[in-house]
Amino acid sequence: MKRYGWAKLLPALALALLTTACGDDDPAGPGTQAVPDFLRVDVNPFSATYGDPVSPRDYLQVVSAWYFGHAT
């Protein structure tokens, strides 16, 4: 394909990806496979909650990402 062909194809591809990703895969409804609640101490010195325990419950109804790193 020519370079300008991809520019026209990209929005259609993005739309197809979004519409297929929004399917209802869980017929039982949301929350049926909830994970246990947990607390972790915020170790980011630049965070407003530095040193405080934080939990996913602190971020209900907002988008959040959790990363658990491990080094040996």
Protein backbone atom coordinates (compact mmCIF):
# COMPACT_ATOMS: atom_id res chain seq x y z
CA MET A 1 0.00 0.00 0.00
CA LYS A 2 1.06 3.54 -0.55
CA ARG A 3 1.82 5.77 2.40
CA TYR A 4 -1.45 7.74 2.15
CA GLY A 5 -3.41 4.47 2.04
CA TRP A 6 -2.51 3.68 5.65
CA ALA A 7 -3.69 7.12 6.77
CA LYS A 8 -7.14 6.36 5.36
CA LEU A 9 -7.18 2.83 6.76
CA LEU A 10 -6.10 3.69 10.31
CA PRO A 11 -9.39 5.29 11.52
CA ALA A 12 -11.40 2.34 10.21
CA LEU A 13 -9.03 -0.11 11.89
CA ALA A 14 -9.23 1.79 15.19
CA LEU A 15 -13.03 1.83 15.03
CA ALA A 16 -13.14 -1.91 14.32
CA LEU A 17 -10.83 -2.60 17.25
CA LEU A 18 -12.87 -0.46 19.64
CA THR A 19 -16.21 -1.97 18.66
CA THR A 20 -14.97 -5.54 19.04
CA ALA A 21 -13.32 -4.76 22.37
CA CYS A 22 -16.57 -3.42 23.82
CA GLY A 23 -18.45 -6.71 23.69
CA ASP A 24 -20.23 -8.16 26.72
CA ASP A 25 -18.09 -11.20 27.50
CA ASP A 26 -19.44 -11.63 31.04
CA PRO A 27 -23.14 -12.49 30.93
CA ALA A 28 -23.29 -12.64 34.74
CA GLY A 29 -22.58 -8.91 34.99
CA PRO A 30 -19.80 -6.76 36.37
CA GLY A 31 -18.23 -7.47 39.71
CA THR A 32 -18.77 -11.21 39.65
CA GLN A 33 -15.04 -11.86 39.37
CA ALA A 34 -13.78 -9.18 41.73
CA VAL A 35 -10.34 -9.59 43.22
CA PRO A 36 -9.70 -9.23 46.96
CA ASP A 37 -9.04 -5.75 48.27
CA PHE A 38 -5.46 -4.91 49.31
CA LEU A 39 -3.42 -2.04 50.72
CA ARG A 40 0.09 -0.97 49.75
CA VAL A 41 2.19 1.87 51.12
CA ASP A 42 2.81 4.61 48.56
CA VAL A 43 6.60 4.75 48.09
CA ASN A 44 6.61 7.50 45.46
CA PRO A 45 8.24 10.54 47.13
CA PHE A 46 6.59 12.88 44.57
CA SER A 47 3.05 11.61 45.30
CA ALA A 48 0.52 13.50 47.40
CA THR A 49 -0.13 10.26 49.31
CA TYR A 50 3.56 9.42 49.94
CA GLY A 51 3.90 7.12 52.95
CA ASP A 52 0.16 6.50 53.20
CA PRO A 53 -1.52 3.16 52.50
CA VAL A 54 -3.37 3.16 49.18
CA SER A 55 -5.93 0.72 47.84
CA PRO A 56 -7.96 0.23 44.66
CA ARG A 57 -10.95 1.30 46.74
CA ASP A 58 -9.40 4.78 46.90
CA TYR A 59 -9.81 5.02 43.12
CA LEU A 60 -13.33 3.73 42.51
CA GLN A 61 -15.06 5.25 39.47
CA VAL A 62 -11.75 6.54 38.01
CA VAL A 63 -9.21 4.94 35.71
CA SER A 64 -6.14 3.65 37.54
CA ALA A 65 -3.20 1.38 36.73
CA TRP A 66 -1.35 -0.82 39.20
CA TYR A 67 2.16 -2.13 38.64
CA PHE A 68 3.79 -4.71 40.86
CA GLY A 69 7.49 -4.88 40.08
CA HIS A 70 9.78 -7.62 41.32
CA ALA A 71 13.56 -7.81 41.16
CA THR A 72 15.86 -10.57 42.25
